[in-house]
PDB file of N, CA and C in Angstrom:
ATOM      1  N   MET A   1       0.841  -1.171   0.000  1.00  0.00           N
ATOM      2  CA  MET A   1       0.000   0.000   0.000  1.00  0.00           C
ATOM      3  C   MET A   1       0.888   1.236   0.000  1.00  0.00           C
ATOM      4  N   GLU A   2       0.479   2.225  -0.749  1.00  0.00           N
ATOM      5  CA  GLU A   2       1.215   3.478  -0.792  1.00  0.00           C
ATOM      6  C   GLU A   2       1.235   4.120   0.595  1.00  0.00           C
ATOM      7  N   PRO A   3       2.403   4.593   1.045  1.00  0.00           N
ATOM      8  CA  PRO A   3       2.470   5.234   2.362  1.00  0.00           C
ATOM      9  C   PRO A   3       1.509   6.405   2.515  1.00  0.00           C
ATOM     10  N   VAL A   4       1.334   7.206   1.477  1.00  0.00           N
ATOM     11  CA  VAL A   4       0.428   8.358   1.560  1.00  0.00           C
ATOM     12  C   VAL A   4      -1.012   7.872   1.725  1.00  0.00           C
ATOM     13  N   ARG A   5      -1.360   6.790   1.050  1.00  0.00           N
ATOM     14  CA  ARG A   5      -2.709   6.233   1.178  1.00  0.00           C
ATOM     15  C   ARG A   5      -2.936   5.717   2.595  1.00  0.00           C
ATOM     16  N   LEU A   6      -1.927   5.052   3.153  1.00  0.00           N
ATOM     17  CA  LEU A   6      -2.054   4.537   4.521  1.00  0.00           C
ATOM     18  C   LEU A   6      -2.229   5.688   5.504  1.00  0.00           C
ATOM     19  N   LEU A   7      -1.478   6.773   5.338  1.00  0.00           N
ATOM     20  CA  LEU A   7      -1.649   7.934   6.212  1.00  0.00           C
ATOM     21  C   LEU A   7      -3.073   8.477   6.105  1.00  0.00           C
ATOM     22  N   GLY A   8      -3.613   8.515   4.906  1.00  0.00           N
ATOM     23  CA  GLY A   8      -4.988   8.973   4.714  1.00  0.00           C
ATOM     24  C   GLY A   8      -6.007   8.057   5.375  1.00  0.00           C
ATOM     25  N   LEU A   9      -5.777   6.738   5.290  1.00  0.00           N
ATOM     26  CA  LEU A   9      -6.673   5.781   5.944  1.00  0.00           C
ATOM     27  C   LEU A   9      -6.636   5.943   7.463  1.00  0.00           C
ATOM     28  N   LEU A  10      -5.447   6.140   8.013  1.00  0.00           N
ATOM     29  CA  LEU A  10      -5.333   6.330   9.464  1.00  0.00           C
ATOM     30  C   LEU A  10      -6.017   7.617   9.900  1.00  0.00           C
ATOM     31  N   GLU A  11      -5.864   8.659   9.113  1.00  0.00           N
ATOM     32  CA  GLU A  11      -6.486   9.940   9.456  1.00  0.00           C
ATOM     33  C   GLU A  11      -8.012   9.857   9.370  1.00  0.00           C
ATOM     34  N   ALA A  12      -8.535   9.108   8.439  1.00  0.00           N
ATOM     35  CA  ALA A  12      -9.977   9.004   8.240  1.00  0.00           C
ATOM     36  C   ALA A  12     -10.646   7.995   9.173  1.00  0.00           C
ATOM     37  N   ALA A  13      -9.871   7.090   9.750  1.00  0.00           N
ATOM     38  CA  ALA A  13     -10.451   6.024  10.582  1.00  0.00           C
ATOM     39  C   ALA A  13     -11.086   6.584  11.840  1.00  0.00           C
ATOM     40  N   LYS A  14     -12.245   6.029  12.196  1.00  0.00           N
ATOM     41  CA  LYS A  14     -12.909   6.422  13.435  1.00  0.00           C
ATOM     42  C   LYS A  14     -12.282   5.732  14.633  1.00  0.00           C
ATOM     43  N   GLU A  15     -11.715   4.563  14.395  1.00  0.00           N
ATOM     44  CA  GLU A  15     -11.012   3.806  15.445  1.00  0.00           C
ATOM     45  C   GLU A  15     -10.060   2.845  14.755  1.00  0.00           C
ATOM     46  N   GLY A  16      -9.175   2.246  15.549  1.00  0.00           N
ATOM     47  CA  GLY A  16      -8.234   1.283  15.006  1.00  0.00           C
ATOM     48  C   GLY A  16      -8.936   0.008  14.574  1.00  0.00           C
ATOM     49  N   SER A  17      -8.235  -0.805  13.784  1.00  0.00           N
ATOM     50  CA  SER A  17      -8.814  -2.064  13.304  1.00  0.00           C
ATOM     51  C   SER A  17      -7.699  -3.055  13.015  1.00  0.00           C
ATOM     52  N   ASP A  18      -8.094  -4.296  12.860  1.00  0.00           N
ATOM     53  CA  ASP A  18      -7.137  -5.344  12.514  1.00  0.00           C
ATOM     54  C   ASP A  18      -6.491  -5.046  11.165  1.00  0.00           C
ATOM     55  N   TYR A  19      -7.282  -4.573  10.218  1.00  0.00           N
ATOM     56  CA  TYR A  19      -6.754  -4.238   8.895  1.00  0.00           C
ATOM     57  C   TYR A  19      -5.674  -3.156   8.998  1.00  0.00           C
ATOM     58  N   LEU A  20      -5.952  -2.095   9.766  1.00  0.00           N
ATOM     59  CA  LEU A  20      -4.974  -1.016   9.921  1.00  0.00           C
ATOM     60  C   LEU A  20      -3.739  -1.494  10.672  1.00  0.00           C
ATOM     61  N   ASP A  21      -3.932  -2.371  11.677  1.00  0.00           N
ATOM     62  CA  ASP A  21      -2.783  -2.942  12.395  1.00  0.00           C
ATOM     63  C   ASP A  21      -1.844  -3.643  11.415  1.00  0.00           C
ATOM     64  N   HIS A  22      -2.414  -4.464  10.541  1.00  0.00           N
ATOM     65  CA  HIS A  22      -1.605  -5.197   9.561  1.00  0.00           C
ATOM     66  C   HIS A  22      -0.926  -4.247   8.578  1.00  0.00           C
ATOM     67  N   ALA A  23      -1.632  -3.218   8.143  1.00  0.00           N
ATOM     68  CA  ALA A  23      -1.065  -2.272   7.185  1.00  0.00           C
ATOM     69  C   ALA A  23       0.108  -1.499   7.798  1.00  0.00           C
ATOM     70  N   VAL A  24      -0.043  -1.054   9.033  1.00  0.00           N
ATOM     71  CA  VAL A  24       1.034  -0.325   9.710  1.00  0.00           C
ATOM     72  C   VAL A  24       2.226  -1.262   9.929  1.00  0.00           C
ATOM     73  N   ALA A  25       1.970  -2.474  10.408  1.00  0.00           N
ATOM     74  CA  ALA A  25       3.046  -3.443  10.649  1.00  0.00           C
ATOM     75  C   ALA A  25       3.801  -3.731   9.349  1.00  0.00           C
ATOM     76  N   ARG A  26       3.077  -3.910   8.269  1.00  0.00           N
ATOM     77  CA  ARG A  26       3.708  -4.189   6.974  1.00  0.00           C
ATOM     78  C   ARG A  26       4.572  -3.007   6.543  1.00  0.00           C
ATOM     79  N   GLU A  27       4.060  -1.796   6.704  1.00  0.00           N
ATOM     80  CA  GLU A  27       4.794  -0.606   6.287  1.00  0.00           C
ATOM     81  C   GLU A  27       6.079  -0.419   7.096  1.00  0.00           C
ATOM     82  N   LEU A  28       6.029  -0.766   8.387  1.00  0.00           N
ATOM     83  CA  LEU A  28       7.203  -0.605   9.247  1.00  0.00           C
ATOM     84  C   LEU A  28       8.110  -1.831   9.240  1.00  0.00           C
ATOM     85  N   GLY A  29       7.707  -2.876   8.531  1.00  0.00           N
ATOM     86  CA  GLY A  29       8.540  -4.069   8.450  1.00  0.00           C
ATOM     87  C   GLY A  29       8.485  -4.955   9.680  1.00  0.00           C
ATOM     88  N   LEU A  30       7.418  -4.828  10.480  1.00  0.00           N
ATOM     89  CA  LEU A  30       7.285  -5.676  11.668  1.00  0.00           C
ATOM     90  C   LEU A  30       6.872  -7.080  11.242  1.00  0.00           C
ATOM     91  N   ARG A  31       7.501  -8.078  11.835  1.00  0.00           N
ATOM     92  CA  ARG A  31       7.196  -9.456  11.469  1.00  0.00           C
ATOM     93  C   ARG A  31       6.584 -10.233  12.618  1.00  0.00           C
ATOM     94  N   ALA A  32       6.074  -9.554  13.596  1.00  0.00           N
ATOM     95  CA  ALA A  32       5.500 -10.203  14.786  1.00  0.00           C
ATOM     96  C   ALA A  32       4.217 -10.930  14.414  1.00  0.00           C
ATOM     97  N   ARG A  33       4.041 -12.073  14.995  1.00  0.00           N
ATOM     98  CA  ARG A  33       2.802 -12.847  14.844  1.00  0.00           C
ATOM     99  C   ARG A  33       2.337 -13.249  16.213  1.00  0.00           C
ATOM    100  N   PRO A  34       1.130 -12.989  16.609  1.00  0.00           N
ATOM    101  CA  PRO A  34       0.147 -12.199  15.874  1.00  0.00           C
ATOM    102  C   PRO A  34       0.564 -10.732  15.806  1.00  0.00           C
ATOM    103  N   VAL A  35      -0.007 -10.049  14.844  1.00  0.00           N
ATOM    104  CA  VAL A  35       0.308  -8.632  14.655  1.00  0.00           C
ATOM    105  C   VAL A  35      -0.213  -7.860  15.864  1.00  0.00           C
ATOM    106  N   PRO A  36       0.652  -7.034  16.491  1.00  0.00           N
ATOM    107  CA  PRO A  36       0.200  -6.253  17.648  1.00  0.00           C
ATOM    108  C   PRO A  36      -0.860  -5.225  17.256  1.00  0.00           C
ATOM    109  N   SER A  37      -1.706  -4.896  18.203  1.00  0.00           N
ATOM    110  CA  SER A  37      -2.813  -3.962  17.935  1.00  0.00           C
ATOM    111  C   SER A  37      -2.333  -2.517  18.043  1.00  0.00           C
ATOM    112  N   VAL A  38      -1.494  -2.116  17.101  1.00  0.00           N
ATOM    113  CA  VAL A  38      -0.853  -0.806  17.141  1.00  0.00           C
ATOM    114  C   VAL A  38      -1.822   0.350  16.956  1.00  0.00           C
ATOM    115  N   THR A  39      -2.949   0.127  16.301  1.00  0.00           N
ATOM    116  CA  THR A  39      -3.900   1.216  16.076  1.00  0.00           C
ATOM    117  C   THR A  39      -5.006   1.235  17.125  1.00  0.00           C
ATOM    118  N   ARG A  40      -4.986   0.274  18.044  1.00  0.00           N
ATOM    119  CA  ARG A  40      -6.055   0.177  19.043  1.00  0.00           C
ATOM    120  C   ARG A  40      -5.561   0.304  20.477  1.00  0.00           C
ATOM    121  N   SER A  41      -4.260   0.255  20.692  1.00  0.00           N
ATOM    122  CA  SER A  41      -3.711   0.326  22.041  1.00  0.00           C
ATOM    123  C   SER A  41      -2.607   1.378  22.085  1.00  0.00           C
ATOM    124  N   LEU A  42      -2.740   2.326  22.993  1.00  0.00           N
ATOM    125  CA  LEU A  42      -1.728   3.378  23.108  1.00  0.00           C
ATOM    126  C   LEU A  42      -0.381   2.801  23.529  1.00  0.00           C
ATOM    127  N   ASP A  43      -0.371   1.848  24.461  1.00  0.00           N
ATOM    128  CA  ASP A  43       0.887   1.242  24.897  1.00  0.00           C
ATOM    129  C   ASP A  43       1.617   0.577  23.732  1.00  0.00           C
ATOM    130  N   VAL A  44       0.873  -0.150  22.928  1.00  0.00           N
ATOM    131  CA  VAL A  44       1.486  -0.842  21.790  1.00  0.00           C
ATOM    132  C   VAL A  44       1.941   0.175  20.746  1.00  0.00           C
ATOM    133  N   ALA A  45       1.140   1.197  20.497  1.00  0.00           N
ATOM    134  CA  ALA A  45       1.524   2.228  19.527  1.00  0.00           C
ATOM    135  C   ALA A  45       2.815   2.931  19.960  1.00  0.00           C
ATOM    136  N   LEU A  46       2.948   3.206  21.248  1.00  0.00           N
ATOM    137  CA  LEU A  46       4.167   3.857  21.741  1.00  0.00           C
ATOM    138  C   LEU A  46       5.392   2.966  21.581  1.00  0.00           C
ATOM    139  N   SER A  47       5.192   1.656  21.546  1.00  0.00           N
ATOM    140  CA  SER A  47       6.331   0.749  21.357  1.00  0.00           C
ATOM    141  C   SER A  47       6.895   0.840  19.945  1.00  0.00           C
ATOM    142  N   LEU A  48       6.177   1.500  19.033  1.00  0.00           N
ATOM    143  CA  LEU A  48       6.651   1.676  17.658  1.00  0.00           C
ATOM    144  C   LEU A  48       7.680   2.790  17.524  1.00  0.00           C
ATOM    145  N   LEU A  49       7.818   3.631  18.549  1.00  0.00           N
ATOM    146  CA  LEU A  49       8.773   4.739  18.441  1.00  0.00           C
ATOM    147  C   LEU A  49      10.155   4.186  18.099  1.00  0.00           C
ATOM    148  N   PRO A  50      10.792   4.749  17.088  1.00  0.00           N
ATOM    149  CA  PRO A  50      12.127   4.276  16.726  1.00  0.00           C
ATOM    150  C   PRO A  50      13.108   4.470  17.885  1.00  0.00           C
ATOM    151  N   LYS A  51      14.127   3.644  17.911  1.00  0.00           N
ATOM    152  CA  LYS A  51      15.154   3.751  18.956  1.00  0.00           C
ATOM    153  C   LYS A  51      15.771   5.151  18.909  1.00  0.00           C
ATOM    154  N   GLY A  52      15.864   5.776  20.073  1.00  0.00           N
ATOM    155  CA  GLY A  52      16.422   7.115  20.159  1.00  0.00           C
ATOM    156  C   GLY A  52      15.405   8.225  19.966  1.00  0.00           C
ATOM    157  N   TRP A  53      14.124   7.880  19.809  1.00  0.00           N
ATOM    158  CA  TRP A  53      13.067   8.866  19.650  1.00  0.00           C
ATOM    159  C   TRP A  53      12.188   8.852  20.891  1.00  0.00           C
ATOM    160  N   ILE A  54      11.573  10.008  21.189  1.00  0.00           N
ATOM    161  CA  ILE A  54      10.672  10.127  22.340  1.00  0.00           C
ATOM    162  C   ILE A  54       9.364  10.792  21.917  1.00  0.00           C
ATOM    163  N   MET A  55       8.349  10.593  22.750  1.00  0.00           N
ATOM    164  CA  MET A  55       7.083  11.286  22.532  1.00  0.00           C
ATOM    165  C   MET A  55       7.246  12.687  23.105  1.00  0.00           C
ATOM    166  N   HIS A  56       7.181  13.679  22.254  1.00  0.00           N
ATOM    167  CA  HIS A  56       7.310  15.059  22.713  1.00  0.00           C
ATOM    168  C   HIS A  56       5.967  15.588  23.219  1.00  0.00           C
ATOM    169  N   ARG A  57       4.914  15.335  22.433  1.00  0.00           N
ATOM    170  CA  ARG A  57       3.592  15.822  22.828  1.00  0.00           C
ATOM    171  C   ARG A  57       2.530  14.917  22.215  1.00  0.00           C
ATOM    172  N   LEU A  58       1.558  14.582  23.043  1.00  0.00           N
ATOM    173  CA  LEU A  58       0.390  13.827  22.598  1.00  0.00           C
ATOM    174  C   LEU A  58      -0.808  14.520  23.219  1.00  0.00           C
ATOM    175  N   GLY A  59      -1.685  15.037  22.399  1.00  0.00           N
ATOM    176  CA  GLY A  59      -2.814  15.770  22.955  1.00  0.00           C
ATOM    177  C   GLY A  59      -3.949  15.930  21.975  1.00  0.00           C
ATOM    178  N   GLN A  60      -5.036  16.467  22.507  1.00  0.00           N
ATOM    179  CA  GLN A  60      -6.224  16.701  21.701  1.00  0.00           C
ATOM    180  C   GLN A  60      -6.297  18.165  21.289  1.00  0.00           C
ATOM    181  N   LEU A  61      -6.829  18.397  20.115  1.00  0.00           N
ATOM    182  CA  LEU A  61      -7.044  19.757  19.624  1.00  0.00           C
ATOM    183  C   LEU A  61      -8.474  20.170  19.924  1.00  0.00           C
ATOM    184  N   SER A  62      -8.633  21.356  20.451  1.00  0.00           N
ATOM    185  CA  SER A  62      -9.959  21.868  20.776  1.00  0.00           C
ATOM    186  C   SER A  62     -10.684  22.326  19.519  1.00  0.00           C
ATOM    187  N   ASP A  63     -12.006  22.153  19.530  1.00  0.00           N
ATOM    188  CA  ASP A  63     -12.812  22.706  18.438  1.00  0.00           C
ATOM    189  C   ASP A  63     -13.390  24.066  18.835  1.00  0.00           C
ATOM    190  N   CYS A  64     -12.979  24.585  19.996  1.00  0.00           N
ATOM    191  CA  CYS A  64     -13.405  25.883  20.521  1.00  0.00           C
ATOM    192  C   CYS A  64     -14.899  25.941  20.819  1.00  0.00           C
ATOM    193  N   GLN A  65     -15.519  24.771  20.972  1.00  0.00           N
ATOM    194  CA  GLN A  65     -16.936  24.708  21.312  1.00  0.00           C
ATOM    195  C   GLN A  65     -17.171  23.673  22.406  1.00  0.00           C
ATOM    196  N   GLY A  66     -16.138  23.399  23.178  1.00  0.00           N
ATOM    197  CA  GLY A  66     -16.262  22.437  24.263  1.00  0.00           C
ATOM    198  C   GLY A  66     -15.961  21.009  23.872  1.00  0.00           C
ATOM    199  N   GLY A  67     -15.606  20.777  22.631  1.00  0.00           N
ATOM    200  CA  GLY A  67     -15.278  19.432  22.154  1.00  0.00           C
ATOM    201  C   GLY A  67     -13.862  19.394  21.594  1.00  0.00           C
ATOM    202  N   THR A  68     -13.558  18.323  20.907  1.00  0.00           N
ATOM    203  CA  THR A  68     -12.234  18.196  20.306  1.00  0.00           C
ATOM    204  C   THR A  68     -12.355  17.895  18.819  1.00  0.00           C
ATOM    205  N   ARG A  69     -11.313  18.291  18.096  1.00  0.00           N
ATOM    206  CA  ARG A  69     -11.224  17.987  16.669  1.00  0.00           C
ATOM    207  C   ARG A  69     -10.505  16.680  16.435  1.00  0.00           C
ATOM    208  N   GLY A  70      -9.743  16.221  17.423  1.00  0.00           N
ATOM    209  CA  GLY A  70      -8.985  14.981  17.263  1.00  0.00           C
ATOM    210  C   GLY A  70      -7.665  15.050  18.008  1.00  0.00           C
ATOM    211  N   TRP A  71      -6.830  14.060  17.756  1.00  0.00           N
ATOM    212  CA  TRP A  71      -5.551  13.908  18.442  1.00  0.00           C
ATOM    213  C   TRP A  71      -4.390  14.217  17.505  1.00  0.00           C
ATOM    214  N   ILE A  72      -3.307  14.759  18.098  1.00  0.00           N
ATOM    215  CA  ILE A  72      -2.054  14.931  17.375  1.00  0.00           C
ATOM    216  C   ILE A  72      -0.934  14.335  18.217  1.00  0.00           C
ATOM    217  N   ALA A  73       0.114  13.915  17.553  1.00  0.00           N
ATOM    218  CA  ALA A  73       1.286  13.378  18.242  1.00  0.00           C
ATOM    219  C   ALA A  73       2.533  13.979  17.601  1.00  0.00           C
ATOM    220  N   GLU A  74       3.467  14.384  18.452  1.00  0.00           N
ATOM    221  CA  GLU A  74       4.757  14.885  17.989  1.00  0.00           C
ATOM    222  C   GLU A  74       5.842  14.011  18.591  1.00  0.00           C
ATOM    223  N   ILE A  75       6.711  13.494  17.754  1.00  0.00           N
ATOM    224  CA  ILE A  75       7.835  12.713  18.249  1.00  0.00           C
ATOM    225  C   ILE A  75       9.121  13.390  17.800  1.00  0.00           C
ATOM    226  N   SER A  76      10.179  13.171  18.551  1.00  0.00           N
ATOM    227  CA  SER A  76      11.465  13.769  18.185  1.00  0.00           C
ATOM    228  C   SER A  76      12.595  12.882  18.679  1.00  0.00           C
ATOM    229  N   ARG A  77      13.754  13.105  18.109  1.00  0.00           N
ATOM    230  CA  ARG A  77      14.945  12.401  18.580  1.00  0.00           C
ATOM    231  C   ARG A  77      15.353  12.987  19.924  1.00  0.00           C
ATOM    232  N   VAL A  78      15.900  12.144  20.771  1.00  0.00           N
ATOM    233  CA  VAL A  78      16.406  12.616  22.054  1.00  0.00           C
ATOM    234  C   VAL A  78      17.479  13.667  21.770  1.00  0.00           C
ATOM    235  N   GLY A  79      17.378  14.802  22.396  1.00  0.00           N
ATOM    236  CA  GLY A  79      18.375  15.857  22.235  1.00  0.00           C
ATOM    237  C   GLY A  79      18.065  16.848  21.126  1.00  0.00           C
ATOM    238  N   ASP A  80      17.041  16.590  20.299  1.00  0.00           N
ATOM    239  CA  ASP A  80      16.683  17.559  19.262  1.00  0.00           C
ATOM    240  C   ASP A  80      16.072  18.799  19.892  1.00  0.00           C
ATOM    241  N   CYS A  81      16.393  19.951  19.355  1.00  0.00           N
ATOM    242  CA  CYS A  81      15.822  21.203  19.842  1.00  0.00           C
ATOM    243  C   CYS A  81      14.566  21.572  19.056  1.00  0.00           C
ATOM    244  N   VAL A  82      14.407  20.972  17.895  1.00  0.00           N
ATOM    245  CA  VAL A  82      13.296  21.294  17.018  1.00  0.00           C
ATOM    246  C   VAL A  82      12.576  19.992  16.668  1.00  0.00           C
ATOM    247  N   ILE A  83      11.248  20.046  16.640  1.00  0.00           N
ATOM    248  CA  ILE A  83      10.465  18.882  16.218  1.00  0.00           C
ATOM    249  C   ILE A  83      10.659  18.750  14.707  1.00  0.00           C
ATOM    250  N   PRO A  84      11.269  17.650  14.251  1.00  0.00           N
ATOM    251  CA  PRO A  84      11.569  17.551  12.819  1.00  0.00           C
ATOM    252  C   PRO A  84      10.337  17.416  11.929  1.00  0.00           C
ATOM    253  N   PHE A  85       9.277  16.813  12.430  1.00  0.00           N
ATOM    254  CA  PHE A  85       8.080  16.594  11.626  1.00  0.00           C
ATOM    255  C   PHE A  85       6.849  16.998  12.428  1.00  0.00           C
ATOM    256  N   PRO A  86       6.534  18.304  12.478  1.00  0.00           N
ATOM    257  CA  PRO A  86       5.335  18.723  13.212  1.00  0.00           C
ATOM    258  C   PRO A  86       4.108  18.019  12.652  1.00  0.00           C
ATOM    259  N   PRO A  87       3.104  17.777  13.505  1.00  0.00           N
ATOM    260  CA  PRO A  87       1.933  17.045  13.022  1.00  0.00           C
ATOM    261  C   PRO A  87       1.218  17.807  11.920  1.00  0.00           C
ATOM    262  N   ASP A  88       0.941  17.098  10.851  1.00  0.00           N
ATOM    263  CA  ASP A  88       0.205  17.707   9.746  1.00  0.00           C
ATOM    264  C   ASP A  88      -1.125  16.999   9.512  1.00  0.00           C
ATOM    265  N   ARG A  89      -1.409  16.001  10.345  1.00  0.00           N
ATOM    266  CA  ARG A  89      -2.655  15.242  10.237  1.00  0.00           C
ATOM    267  C   ARG A  89      -3.250  15.052  11.626  1.00  0.00           C
ATOM    268  N   ILE A  90      -4.573  14.990  11.666  1.00  0.00           N
ATOM    269  CA  ILE A  90      -5.298  14.805  12.925  1.00  0.00           C
ATOM    270  C   ILE A  90      -5.951  13.433  12.893  1.00  0.00           C
ATOM    271  N   ALA A  91      -5.852  12.701  14.001  1.00  0.00           N
ATOM    272  CA  ALA A  91      -6.465  11.372  14.106  1.00  0.00           C
ATOM    273  C   ALA A  91      -7.583  11.421  15.140  1.00  0.00           C
ATOM    274  N   ARG A  92      -8.457  10.447  15.087  1.00  0.00           N
ATOM    275  CA  ARG A  92      -9.586  10.420  16.030  1.00  0.00           C
ATOM    276  C   ARG A  92      -9.247   9.788  17.365  1.00  0.00           C
ATOM    277  N   THR A  93      -8.171   8.991  17.418  1.00  0.00           N
ATOM    278  CA  THR A  93      -7.765   8.376  18.687  1.00  0.00           C
ATOM    279  C   THR A  93      -6.269   8.589  18.891  1.00  0.00           C
ATOM    280  N   ALA A  94      -5.832   8.474  20.135  1.00  0.00           N
ATOM    281  CA  ALA A  94      -4.415   8.654  20.452  1.00  0.00           C
ATOM    282  C   ALA A  94      -3.531   7.612  19.759  1.00  0.00           C
ATOM    283  N   PRO A  95      -3.893   6.310  19.769  1.00  0.00           N
ATOM    284  CA  PRO A  95      -3.030   5.340  19.083  1.00  0.00           C
ATOM    285  C   PRO A  95      -2.892   5.624  17.582  1.00  0.00           C
ATOM    286  N   LEU A  96      -3.968   6.072  16.944  1.00  0.00           N
ATOM    287  CA  LEU A  96      -3.891   6.415  15.527  1.00  0.00           C
ATOM    288  C   LEU A  96      -2.965   7.608  15.310  1.00  0.00           C
ATOM    289  N   ALA A  97      -3.005   8.592  16.214  1.00  0.00           N
ATOM    290  CA  ALA A  97      -2.124   9.756  16.096  1.00  0.00           C
ATOM    291  C   ALA A  97      -0.661   9.350  16.231  1.00  0.00           C
ATOM    292  N   VAL A  98      -0.370   8.443  17.160  1.00  0.00           N
ATOM    293  CA  VAL A  98       1.006   7.969  17.330  1.00  0.00           C
ATOM    294  C   VAL A  98       1.464   7.227  16.078  1.00  0.00           C
ATOM    295  N   CYS A  99       0.603   6.374  15.530  1.00  0.00           N
ATOM    296  CA  CYS A  99       0.947   5.653  14.298  1.00  0.00           C
ATOM    297  C   CYS A  99       1.233   6.634  13.157  1.00  0.00           C
ATOM    298  N   LEU A 100       0.428   7.678  13.032  1.00  0.00           N
ATOM    299  CA  LEU A 100       0.671   8.686  12.004  1.00  0.00           C
ATOM    300  C   LEU A 100       2.042   9.326  12.175  1.00  0.00           C
ATOM    301  N   ALA A 101       2.395   9.690  13.400  1.00  0.00           N
ATOM    302  CA  ALA A 101       3.684  10.337  13.658  1.00  0.00           C
ATOM    303  C   ALA A 101       4.843   9.396  13.354  1.00  0.00           C
ATOM    304  N   VAL A 102       4.731   8.147  13.779  1.00  0.00           N
ATOM    305  CA  VAL A 102       5.804   7.171  13.555  1.00  0.00           C
ATOM    306  C   VAL A 102       5.975   6.891  12.066  1.00  0.00           C
ATOM    307  N   LEU A 103       4.867   6.701  11.356  1.00  0.00           N
ATOM    308  CA  LEU A 103       4.951   6.430   9.921  1.00  0.00           C
ATOM    309  C   LEU A 103       5.531   7.613   9.162  1.00  0.00           C
ATOM    310  N   ARG A 104       5.144   8.803   9.561  1.00  0.00           N
ATOM    311  CA  ARG A 104       5.676   9.983   8.874  1.00  0.00           C
ATOM    312  C   ARG A 104       7.176  10.117   9.110  1.00  0.00           C
ATOM    313  N   ALA A 105       7.609   9.925  10.347  1.00  0.00           N
ATOM    314  CA  ALA A 105       9.043  10.006  10.642  1.00  0.00           C
ATOM    315  C   ALA A 105       9.811   8.916   9.907  1.00  0.00           C
ATOM    316  N   ALA A 106       9.254   7.715   9.876  1.00  0.00           N
ATOM    317  CA  ALA A 106       9.917   6.612   9.176  1.00  0.00           C
ATOM    318  C   ALA A 106      10.014   6.903   7.678  1.00  0.00           C
ATOM    319  N   ARG A 107       8.938   7.430   7.111  1.00  0.00           N
ATOM    320  CA  ARG A 107       8.929   7.747   5.679  1.00  0.00           C
ATOM    321  C   ARG A 107       9.945   8.833   5.366  1.00  0.00           C
ATOM    322  N   GLU A 108       9.975   9.883   6.180  1.00  0.00           N
ATOM    323  CA  GLU A 108      10.897  10.993   5.937  1.00  0.00           C
ATOM    324  C   GLU A 108      12.352  10.571   6.120  1.00  0.00           C
ATOM    325  N   ASN A 109      12.584   9.564   6.959  1.00  0.00           N
ATOM    326  CA  ASN A 109      13.945   9.069   7.192  1.00  0.00           C
ATOM    327  C   ASN A 109      14.272   7.867   6.319  1.00  0.00           C
ATOM    328  N   GLY A 110      13.366   7.498   5.413  1.00  0.00           N
ATOM    329  CA  GLY A 110      13.604   6.388   4.506  1.00  0.00           C
ATOM    330  C   GLY A 110      13.638   5.027   5.175  1.00  0.00           C
ATOM    331  N   GLN A 111      12.852   4.836   6.241  1.00  0.00           N
ATOM    332  CA  GLN A 111      12.878   3.584   6.985  1.00  0.00           C
ATOM    333  C   GLN A 111      11.612   2.764   6.837  1.00  0.00           C
ATOM    334  N   THR A 112      10.720   3.111   5.954  1.00  0.00           N
ATOM    335  CA  THR A 112       9.489   2.337   5.821  1.00  0.00           C
ATOM    336  C   THR A 112       9.736   1.061   5.039  1.00  0.00           C
ATOM    337  N   SER A 113       8.936   0.063   5.332  1.00  0.00           N
ATOM    338  CA  SER A 113       8.964  -1.254   4.697  1.00  0.00           C
ATOM    339  C   SER A 113      10.235  -2.043   4.948  1.00  0.00           C
ATOM    340  N   GLU A 114      11.175  -1.468   5.672  1.00  0.00           N
ATOM    341  CA  GLU A 114      12.368  -2.223   6.021  1.00  0.00           C
ATOM    342  C   GLU A 114      12.909  -1.699   7.340  1.00  0.00           C
ATOM    343  N   ALA A 115      12.322  -2.178   8.435  1.00  0.00           N
ATOM    344  CA  ALA A 115      12.733  -1.746   9.767  1.00  0.00           C
ATOM    345  C   ALA A 115      14.022  -2.439  10.158  1.00  0.00           C
ATOM    346  N   PRO A 116      14.790  -1.872  11.088  1.00  0.00           N
ATOM    347  CA  PRO A 116      16.001  -2.523  11.559  1.00  0.00           C
ATOM    348  C   PRO A 116      15.673  -3.881  12.171  1.00  0.00           C
ATOM    349  N   ALA A 117      16.637  -4.783  12.142  1.00  0.00           N
ATOM    350  CA  ALA A 117      16.419  -6.146  12.649  1.00  0.00           C
ATOM    351  C   ALA A 117      15.995  -6.142  14.107  1.00  0.00           C
ATOM    352  N   SER A 118      16.517  -5.213  14.903  1.00  0.00           N
ATOM    353  CA  SER A 118      16.145  -5.172  16.317  1.00  0.00           C
ATOM    354  C   SER A 118      14.659  -4.854  16.480  1.00  0.00           C
ATOM    355  N   ARG A 119      14.106  -4.025  15.618  1.00  0.00           N
ATOM    356  CA  ARG A 119      12.691  -3.687  15.692  1.00  0.00           C
ATOM    357  C   ARG A 119      11.844  -4.883  15.236  1.00  0.00           C
ATOM    358  N   GLN A 120      12.296  -5.582  14.193  1.00  0.00           N
ATOM    359  CA  GLN A 120      11.534  -6.723  13.694  1.00  0.00           C
ATOM    360  C   GLN A 120      11.439  -7.840  14.732  1.00  0.00           C
ATOM    361  N   ASN A 121      12.496  -8.040  15.482  1.00  0.00           N
ATOM    362  CA  ASN A 121      12.522  -9.127  16.451  1.00  0.00           C
ATOM    363  C   ASN A 121      11.969  -8.729  17.807  1.00  0.00           C
ATOM    364  N   ALA A 122      11.704  -7.465  18.010  1.00  0.00           N
ATOM    365  CA  ALA A 122      11.276  -6.986  19.327  1.00  0.00           C
ATOM    366  C   ALA A 122       9.922  -7.543  19.745  1.00  0.00           C
ATOM    367  N   HIS A 123       9.071  -7.874  18.792  1.00  0.00           N
ATOM    368  CA  HIS A 123       7.721  -8.296  19.132  1.00  0.00           C
ATOM    369  C   HIS A 123       7.500  -9.788  18.950  1.00  0.00           C
ATOM    370  N   ARG A 124       8.546 -10.556  18.753  1.00  0.00           N
ATOM    371  CA  ARG A 124       8.390 -11.990  18.561  1.00  0.00           C
ATOM    372  C   ARG A 124       8.152 -12.716  19.838  1.00  0.00           C
TER     373      ARG A 124
END
């Protein structure tokens, strides 16, 4: 699946799903069986952060009417002074927002579809 299409599917999803879990795992090169529920569990989604990266901010955006527009996630390398990839997409749940941030960082760093061996074996 095209990475841009997957980002669009994650942004449009109302909640995580088995299909999205498999798509994210495939894009990141995860070979864990069963596939972890990365789009449905915040703990599992946070485990996708690349080595040396941290969650800088995870929060909801206000709609200025007492509700929210959705979730955003910002991740950065430890020691970075600037967020390299500010959120450009809004997700409906926190795990989806984390997946969006991780996929975007991986894509921008050329790490999609072929994760390091340590990441592939981490979930076995």
